[in-house]
Each structure stands twice: as structure tokens, then as C-alpha cells.
Amino acid sequence: MSLEERQEAAVRAVLDAEPAPVVPAELCAEAMRRGGRARRRRRAALRLLWCVLVIAVVAFLVWATVDRPWVEPPSKTTPPLTGW
């Protein structure tokens, strides 16, 4: 008898020896209620994260449009020539 067959025989003996456990009738309803709550919380957290991401992108775009960081700043070492 191989190790796998001995393990299978042991598991079958345990399963055949004990009666099936008694499950409370309200267990399914409680599990559904808790699962629904967890799903709603996860969905709300994802929506919040997406809103924060969208707000951050919009804020970055507004800042980039107003500040224009890609433009070289004017030189501050010499005054502009006026009155020529």
C-alpha cells in the first residue's frame, strides 16, 4: 500500500466514522448578510479611490495649465531693455 492510498484510507475512515455536522439554519442568512456588507464596503472604498485619483489628475492638470512648468522661466539677472 502506497503512502497516497494510506492517506486516502485514513481520510475515508475519518469521514465515515463521524456523522455530518449540524449546521444552524440561520448560518446561510448570516453569511449572506456579512458578505453583502463586505462587498458594499469594498465597492465604496474603490469608488473613493477612483474619486481621489480623478481629483488628483484634475488638480495636476489645472496646476500644469496655470504654472506651465515646461516653459523656461525668464532670466532675473539682467533688467529688460526699455526705451531704445
Protein backbone atom coordinates (compact mmCIF):
# COMPACT_ATOMS: atom_id res chain seq x y z
CA MET A 1 0.00 0.00 0.00
CA SER A 2 1.46 3.35 -1.03
CA LEU A 3 1.52 6.49 1.07
CA GLU A 4 -1.22 8.09 -1.03
CA GLU A 5 -3.51 5.06 -0.60
CA ARG A 6 -2.90 5.03 3.17
CA GLN A 7 -3.73 8.73 3.43
CA GLU A 8 -6.87 8.27 1.37
CA ALA A 9 -7.92 5.32 3.54
CA ALA A 10 -7.33 7.39 6.68
CA VAL A 11 -9.42 10.25 5.35
CA ARG A 12 -12.22 7.89 4.32
CA ALA A 13 -12.18 6.30 7.78
CA VAL A 14 -12.48 9.70 9.46
CA LEU A 15 -15.28 10.78 7.16
CA ASP A 16 -17.21 7.52 7.57
CA ALA A 17 -16.78 7.40 11.36
CA GLU A 18 -18.28 10.79 12.26
CA PRO A 19 -21.80 11.89 11.46
CA ALA A 20 -22.26 15.02 9.36
CA PRO A 21 -22.02 18.20 11.45
CA VAL A 22 -25.23 20.01 12.22
CA VAL A 23 -25.33 23.45 10.59
CA PRO A 24 -27.64 26.11 12.06
CA ALA A 25 -30.44 27.17 9.75
CA GLU A 26 -29.64 30.89 10.09
CA LEU A 27 -25.98 30.40 9.13
CA CYS A 28 -26.61 30.95 5.42
CA ALA A 29 -28.59 34.15 6.00
CA GLU A 30 -25.89 35.50 8.33
CA ALA A 31 -23.14 34.67 5.83
CA MET A 32 -25.08 36.39 3.03
CA ARG A 33 -25.62 39.48 5.20
CA ARG A 34 -21.94 39.73 6.14
CA GLY A 35 -20.81 39.06 2.57
CA GLY A 36 -23.13 41.76 1.24
CA ARG A 37 -21.81 44.25 3.76
CA ALA A 38 -18.19 43.42 2.86
CA ARG A 39 -18.98 43.77 -0.83
CA ARG A 40 -20.61 47.18 -0.28
CA ARG A 41 -17.63 48.38 1.78
CA ARG A 42 -15.18 47.20 -0.88
CA ARG A 43 -17.21 48.88 -3.62
CA ALA A 44 -17.38 52.13 -1.62
CA ALA A 45 -13.62 52.04 -0.99
CA LEU A 46 -12.93 51.52 -4.70
CA ARG A 47 -15.24 54.39 -5.63
CA LEU A 48 -13.49 56.61 -3.10
CA LEU A 49 -10.08 55.69 -4.50
CA TRP A 50 -11.23 56.39 -8.06
CA CYS A 51 -12.64 59.77 -6.98
CA VAL A 52 -9.37 60.67 -5.26
CA LEU A 53 -7.45 59.64 -8.38
CA VAL A 54 -9.68 61.73 -10.66
CA ILE A 55 -9.42 64.73 -8.33
CA ALA A 56 -5.62 64.38 -8.25
CA VAL A 57 -5.43 64.23 -12.05
CA VAL A 58 -7.68 67.28 -12.43
CA ALA A 59 -5.67 69.19 -9.81
CA PHE A 60 -2.43 68.31 -11.62
CA LEU A 61 -3.85 69.43 -14.96
CA VAL A 62 -5.07 72.73 -13.51
CA TRP A 63 -1.69 73.33 -11.86
CA ALA A 64 0.19 72.47 -15.05
CA THR A 65 -2.04 74.76 -17.09
CA VAL A 66 -1.67 77.70 -14.71
CA ASP A 67 2.00 77.32 -13.80
CA ARG A 68 3.28 75.94 -17.14
CA PRO A 69 6.36 74.19 -15.67
CA TRP A 70 7.65 73.27 -19.15
CA VAL A 71 8.28 76.94 -20.02
CA GLU A 72 11.72 78.27 -19.17
CA PRO A 73 11.43 80.98 -16.51
CA PRO A 74 12.53 84.50 -17.50
CA SER A 75 16.04 85.50 -16.61
CA LYS A 76 16.31 87.57 -13.45
CA THR A 77 19.96 88.59 -13.78
CA THR A 78 19.57 91.48 -16.23
CA PRO A 79 16.78 94.04 -16.40
CA PRO A 80 14.73 94.19 -19.56
CA LEU A 81 15.81 96.80 -22.14
CA THR A 82 13.21 99.53 -22.44
CA GLY A 83 13.20 102.90 -24.15
CA TRP A 84 15.58 102.19 -27.06
